[in-house]
Every structure is written in C-alpha cells, then in structure tokens.
PDB file of N, CA and C in Angstrom:
ATOM      1  N   MET A   1       0.773  -1.067  -0.217  1.00  0.00           N
ATOM      2  CA  MET A   1      -0.162   0.061   0.671  1.00  0.00           C
ATOM      3  C   MET A   1       1.116   1.115  -0.024  1.00  0.00           C
ATOM      4  N   PRO A   2       0.683   1.738  -0.841  1.00  0.00           N
ATOM      5  CA  PRO A   2       1.252   3.527  -0.797  1.00  0.00           C
ATOM      6  C   PRO A   2       1.291   4.006  -0.008  1.00  0.00           C
ATOM      7  N   VAL A   3       2.067   5.368   0.330  1.00  0.00           N
ATOM      8  CA  VAL A   3       1.874   6.139   1.631  1.00  0.00           C
ATOM      9  C   VAL A   3       2.045   7.201   1.601  1.00  0.00           C
ATOM     10  N   CYS A   4       0.686   8.037   1.976  1.00  0.00           N
ATOM     11  CA  CYS A   4       0.918   9.670   2.101  1.00  0.00           C
ATOM     12  C   CYS A   4       2.345  10.279   2.111  1.00  0.00           C
ATOM     13  N   LYS A   5       2.862  11.305   1.773  1.00  0.00           N
ATOM     14  CA  LYS A   5       3.853  11.515   2.303  1.00  0.00           C
ATOM     15  C   LYS A   5       3.560  13.023   3.423  1.00  0.00           C
ATOM     16  N   GLU A   6       2.030  13.436   3.161  1.00  0.00           N
ATOM     17  CA  GLU A   6       2.093  14.515   4.401  1.00  0.00           C
ATOM     18  C   GLU A   6       1.313  14.328   5.551  1.00  0.00           C
ATOM     19  N   CYS A   7       0.437  12.842   5.260  1.00  0.00           N
ATOM     20  CA  CYS A   7      -0.001  12.554   6.730  1.00  0.00           C
ATOM     21  C   CYS A   7       0.553  11.348   7.083  1.00  0.00           C
ATOM     22  N   GLY A   8       1.096  10.465   6.080  1.00  0.00           N
ATOM     23  CA  GLY A   8       2.055   9.431   6.773  1.00  0.00           C
ATOM     24  C   GLY A   8       0.814   8.096   6.385  1.00  0.00           C
ATOM     25  N   ASP A   9      -0.726   8.277   6.187  1.00  0.00           N
ATOM     26  CA  ASP A   9      -1.438   7.245   6.218  1.00  0.00           C
ATOM     27  C   ASP A   9      -1.378   6.491   4.985  1.00  0.00           C
ATOM     28  N   GLU A  10      -1.505   5.305   5.255  1.00  0.00           N
ATOM     29  CA  GLU A  10      -1.276   3.833   3.926  1.00  0.00           C
ATOM     30  C   GLU A  10      -3.134   4.630   3.243  1.00  0.00           C
ATOM     31  N   VAL A  11      -2.633   4.574   1.655  1.00  0.00           N
ATOM     32  CA  VAL A  11      -4.206   4.603   0.748  1.00  0.00           C
ATOM     33  C   VAL A  11      -4.971   3.647  -0.140  1.00  0.00           C
ATOM     34  N   ASP A  12      -5.426   3.346  -0.465  1.00  0.00           N
ATOM     35  CA  ASP A  12      -5.705   2.670  -1.878  1.00  0.00           C
ATOM     36  C   ASP A  12      -4.449   3.497  -2.586  1.00  0.00           C
ATOM     37  N   GLU A  13      -4.862   4.530  -3.260  1.00  0.00           N
ATOM     38  CA  GLU A  13      -4.439   5.685  -4.690  1.00  0.00           C
ATOM     39  C   GLU A  13      -3.928   6.315  -3.986  1.00  0.00           C
ATOM     40  N   LEU A  14      -2.463   7.348  -4.654  1.00  0.00           N
ATOM     41  CA  LEU A  14      -1.815   8.346  -4.382  1.00  0.00           C
ATOM     42  C   LEU A  14      -2.412   8.906  -5.568  1.00  0.00           C
ATOM     43  N   VAL A  15      -2.493  10.778  -4.918  1.00  0.00           N
ATOM     44  CA  VAL A  15      -2.618  11.729  -6.455  1.00  0.00           C
ATOM     45  C   VAL A  15      -1.819  12.777  -6.292  1.00  0.00           C
ATOM     46  N   ARG A  16      -1.354  12.539  -7.823  1.00  0.00           N
ATOM     47  CA  ARG A  16      -0.432  13.938  -8.092  1.00  0.00           C
ATOM     48  C   ARG A  16      -0.848  15.202  -8.396  1.00  0.00           C
ATOM     49  N   VAL A  17       0.249  16.106  -7.314  1.00  0.00           N
ATOM     50  CA  VAL A  17      -0.831  17.657  -7.000  1.00  0.00           C
ATOM     51  C   VAL A  17       0.698  18.006  -7.537  1.00  0.00           C
ATOM     52  N   LYS A  18       0.632  19.920  -8.194  1.00  0.00           N
ATOM     53  CA  LYS A  18       1.653  20.658  -8.052  1.00  0.00           C
ATOM     54  C   LYS A  18       1.320  22.006  -7.857  1.00  0.00           C
ATOM     55  N   VAL A  19       2.074  22.171  -6.058  1.00  0.00           N
ATOM     56  CA  VAL A  19       2.270  22.876  -5.393  1.00  0.00           C
ATOM     57  C   VAL A  19       3.552  23.680  -5.289  1.00  0.00           C
ATOM     58  N   GLY A  20       3.107  25.135  -5.488  1.00  0.00           N
ATOM     59  CA  GLY A  20       4.401  25.815  -5.573  1.00  0.00           C
ATOM     60  C   GLY A  20       5.600  25.388  -6.468  1.00  0.00           C
ATOM     61  N   GLY A  21       5.229  24.537  -8.041  1.00  0.00           N
ATOM     62  CA  GLY A  21       5.890  24.871  -8.311  1.00  0.00           C
ATOM     63  C   GLY A  21       6.665  23.154  -8.413  1.00  0.00           C
ATOM     64  N   ARG A  22       6.112  21.844  -7.819  1.00  0.00           N
ATOM     65  CA  ARG A  22       6.499  20.701  -6.899  1.00  0.00           C
ATOM     66  C   ARG A  22       5.414  20.027  -7.577  1.00  0.00           C
ATOM     67  N   THR A  23       5.272  19.159  -7.924  1.00  0.00           N
ATOM     68  CA  THR A  23       4.430  17.874  -7.599  1.00  0.00           C
ATOM     69  C   THR A  23       4.943  16.896  -6.470  1.00  0.00           C
ATOM     70  N   LEU A  24       3.804  16.741  -6.125  1.00  0.00           N
ATOM     71  CA  LEU A  24       3.791  15.893  -4.606  1.00  0.00           C
ATOM     72  C   LEU A  24       2.832  14.742  -5.029  1.00  0.00           C
ATOM     73  N   LYS A  25       2.684  13.697  -4.324  1.00  0.00           N
ATOM     74  CA  LYS A  25       1.860  12.631  -4.855  1.00  0.00           C
ATOM     75  C   LYS A  25       1.275  12.312  -3.143  1.00  0.00           C
ATOM     76  N   LEU A  26       0.464  13.018  -3.308  1.00  0.00           N
ATOM     77  CA  LEU A  26      -0.720  12.852  -2.071  1.00  0.00           C
ATOM     78  C   LEU A  26      -1.835  12.074  -1.920  1.00  0.00           C
ATOM     79  N   CYS A  27      -2.358  11.679  -0.974  1.00  0.00           N
ATOM     80  CA  CYS A  27      -4.147  11.246  -0.264  1.00  0.00           C
ATOM     81  C   CYS A  27      -4.762  12.013  -0.919  1.00  0.00           C
ATOM     82  N   GLU A  28      -6.128  11.328  -1.244  1.00  0.00           N
ATOM     83  CA  GLU A  28      -6.977  12.850  -2.148  1.00  0.00           C
ATOM     84  C   GLU A  28      -7.251  14.257  -0.231  1.00  0.00           C
ATOM     85  N   ASP A  29      -7.711  13.656   0.695  1.00  0.00           N
ATOM     86  CA  ASP A  29      -7.691  14.564   1.199  1.00  0.00           C
ATOM     87  C   ASP A  29      -6.180  15.688   1.351  1.00  0.00           C
ATOM     88  N   CYS A  30      -5.236  14.769   1.636  1.00  0.00           N
ATOM     89  CA  CYS A  30      -4.383  16.602   1.636  1.00  0.00           C
ATOM     90  C   CYS A  30      -4.039  16.731   0.560  1.00  0.00           C
ATOM     91  N   ALA A  31      -4.577  16.842  -0.828  1.00  0.00           N
ATOM     92  CA  ALA A  31      -4.064  16.702  -2.469  1.00  0.00           C
ATOM     93  C   ALA A  31      -5.806  18.196  -1.991  1.00  0.00           C
ATOM     94  N   ASP A  32      -6.211  17.728  -1.846  1.00  0.00           N
ATOM     95  CA  ASP A  32      -7.525  18.801  -1.719  1.00  0.00           C
ATOM     96  C   ASP A  32      -7.004  20.278  -1.015  1.00  0.00           C
ATOM     97  N   ARG A  33      -6.621  19.506   0.828  1.00  0.00           N
ATOM     98  CA  ARG A  33      -5.683  20.431   1.130  1.00  0.00           C
ATOM     99  C   ARG A  33      -5.155  21.700   0.939  1.00  0.00           C
ATOM    100  N   ALA A  34      -4.173  21.040   0.150  1.00  0.00           N
ATOM    101  CA  ALA A  34      -2.491  21.379  -0.396  1.00  0.00           C
ATOM    102  C   ALA A  34      -3.620  22.423  -0.981  1.00  0.00           C
ATOM    103  N   ARG A  35      -4.100  22.090  -2.488  1.00  0.00           N
ATOM    104  CA  ARG A  35      -4.575  22.424  -3.711  1.00  0.00           C
ATOM    105  C   ARG A  35      -4.738  24.236  -3.373  1.00  0.00           C
ATOM    106  N   GLU A  36      -5.689  23.927  -1.581  1.00  0.00           N
ATOM    107  CA  GLU A  36      -7.193  24.965  -1.395  1.00  0.00           C
ATOM    108  C   GLU A  36      -5.704  25.782  -0.781  1.00  0.00           C
ATOM    109  N   GLN A  37      -4.654  25.715  -0.156  1.00  0.00           N
ATOM    110  CA  GLN A  37      -3.890  26.465   0.646  1.00  0.00           C
ATOM    111  C   GLN A  37      -3.135  27.420  -0.962  1.00  0.00           C
ATOM    112  N   ASP A  38      -2.337  26.270  -1.601  1.00  0.00           N
ATOM    113  CA  ASP A  38      -1.726  26.813  -2.830  1.00  0.00           C
ATOM    114  C   ASP A  38      -3.000  27.791  -3.466  1.00  0.00           C
ATOM    115  N   GLU A  39      -4.214  27.983  -3.902  1.00  0.00           N
ATOM    116  CA  GLU A  39      -4.738  28.511  -4.036  1.00  0.00           C
ATOM    117  C   GLU A  39      -5.473  30.033  -3.600  1.00  0.00           C
ATOM    118  N   ILE A  40      -5.145  29.893  -1.944  1.00  0.00           N
ATOM    119  CA  ILE A  40      -5.460  30.960  -1.609  1.00  0.00           C
ATOM    120  C   ILE A  40      -3.854  32.461  -1.186  1.00  0.00           C
ATOM    121  N   ALA A  41      -2.958  31.257  -0.850  1.00  0.00           N
ATOM    122  CA  ALA A  41      -1.409  32.192  -1.490  1.00  0.00           C
ATOM    123  C   ALA A  41      -1.681  32.853  -2.853  1.00  0.00           C
ATOM    124  N   GLU A  42      -1.853  32.204  -3.743  1.00  0.00           N
ATOM    125  CA  GLU A  42      -2.262  32.346  -5.234  1.00  0.00           C
ATOM    126  C   GLU A  42      -2.584  34.108  -4.675  1.00  0.00           C
ATOM    127  N   GLN A  43      -3.552  33.942  -3.521  1.00  0.00           N
ATOM    128  CA  GLN A  43      -4.960  35.178  -4.167  1.00  0.00           C
ATOM    129  C   GLN A  43      -3.992  36.701  -2.791  1.00  0.00           C
ATOM    130  N   SER A  44      -3.778  35.776  -2.361  1.00  0.00           N
ATOM    131  CA  SER A  44      -3.198  36.950  -0.903  1.00  0.00           C
ATOM    132  C   SER A  44      -2.252  37.574  -1.495  1.00  0.00           C
ATOM    133  N   GLU A  45      -1.047  37.238  -2.478  1.00  0.00           N
ATOM    134  CA  GLU A  45      -0.178  37.270  -3.214  1.00  0.00           C
ATOM    135  C   GLU A  45      -0.309  38.321  -4.580  1.00  0.00           C
ATOM    136  N   SER A  46      -1.523  38.026  -4.964  1.00  0.00           N
ATOM    137  CA  SER A  46      -1.612  39.386  -6.075  1.00  0.00           C
ATOM    138  C   SER A  46      -2.736  40.279  -4.730  1.00  0.00           C
ATOM    139  N   VAL A  47      -3.450  40.687  -4.156  1.00  0.00           N
ATOM    140  CA  VAL A  47      -3.777  41.005  -3.643  1.00  0.00           C
ATOM    141  C   VAL A  47      -2.732  42.303  -2.329  1.00  0.00           C
ATOM    142  N   VAL A  48      -2.041  41.604  -2.187  1.00  0.00           N
ATOM    143  CA  VAL A  48      -0.426  42.701  -2.230  1.00  0.00           C
ATOM    144  C   VAL A  48       0.564  43.108  -3.184  1.00  0.00           C
ATOM    145  N   GLN A  49       0.224  42.626  -4.015  1.00  0.00           N
ATOM    146  CA  GLN A  49       1.275  43.399  -4.625  1.00  0.00           C
ATOM    147  C   GLN A  49       0.186  44.688  -5.591  1.00  0.00           C
ATOM    148  N   GLY A  50      -1.397  44.040  -5.640  1.00  0.00           N
ATOM    149  CA  GLY A  50      -1.921  45.285  -5.405  1.00  0.00           C
ATOM    150  C   GLY A  50      -1.384  46.224  -4.690  1.00  0.00           C
ATOM    151  N   MET A  51      -1.036  46.118  -3.834  1.00  0.00           N
ATOM    152  CA  MET A  51      -1.342  47.435  -3.046  1.00  0.00           C
ATOM    153  C   MET A  51      -0.549  48.911  -3.222  1.00  0.00           C
ATOM    154  N   MET A  52       1.099  47.391  -3.046  1.00  0.00           N
ATOM    155  CA  MET A  52       2.266  48.029  -3.677  1.00  0.00           C
ATOM    156  C   MET A  52       2.342  48.734  -4.671  1.00  0.00           C
ATOM    157  N   GLY A  53       1.002  48.112  -5.528  1.00  0.00           N
ATOM    158  CA  GLY A  53       1.535  48.794  -6.902  1.00  0.00           C
ATOM    159  C   GLY A  53       1.902  48.401  -8.252  1.00  0.00           C
ATOM    160  N   PHE A  54       2.706  46.369  -7.913  1.00  0.00           N
ATOM    161  CA  PHE A  54       3.187  45.713  -8.938  1.00  0.00           C
ATOM    162  C   PHE A  54       2.424  45.189  -9.869  1.00  0.00           C
ATOM    163  N   LYS A  55       2.668  45.672 -10.897  1.00  0.00           N
ATOM    164  CA  LYS A  55       2.075  45.638 -12.738  1.00  0.00           C
ATOM    165  C   LYS A  55       2.443  44.524 -13.324  1.00  0.00           C
ATOM    166  N   GLY A  56       3.540  43.854 -12.964  1.00  0.00           N
ATOM    167  CA  GLY A  56       4.183  42.856 -13.518  1.00  0.00           C
ATOM    168  C   GLY A  56       3.625  41.743 -13.348  1.00  0.00           C
ATOM    169  N   ARG A  57       4.394  40.868 -13.473  1.00  0.00           N
ATOM    170  CA  ARG A  57       3.626  38.728 -13.272  1.00  0.00           C
ATOM    171  C   ARG A  57       4.953  38.175 -13.282  1.00  0.00           C
ATOM    172  N   ARG A  58       5.500  37.739 -12.626  1.00  0.00           N
ATOM    173  CA  ARG A  58       6.575  37.433 -12.227  1.00  0.00           C
ATOM    174  C   ARG A  58       6.783  35.540 -13.302  1.00  0.00           C
TER     175      ARG A  58
END
C-alpha cells in the first residue's frame, strides 16, 4: 500500500498535485487541502502586489 507523504497514512491510491512548482504524491484529502492552500497563497500574493502597485507578473 502506498503511503501519503503529508499525513503518513496508508491509502489505496495517491494523487499527483502540483503545488508551488513541485509535484507531490498525496492522498485525496491532503491533495484537496494542498490545492486550497495554494489557491489562497496565490490570491493573497495578488492582493499584496495590488496594494504595492506591482504591475507585472513573475
């Protein structure tokens, strides 16, 4: 049985998720959580860049 890198639980199947430029193999629950955290980080970065008047993208 494969083991999730995030929570350490044995699962039937691992899901590949790209977070922060890295591809991780996580269980379904951890993958959903990682996607949500990545989206929140992206949105908060956008807000901060807007407040500072940054016009371009990385």
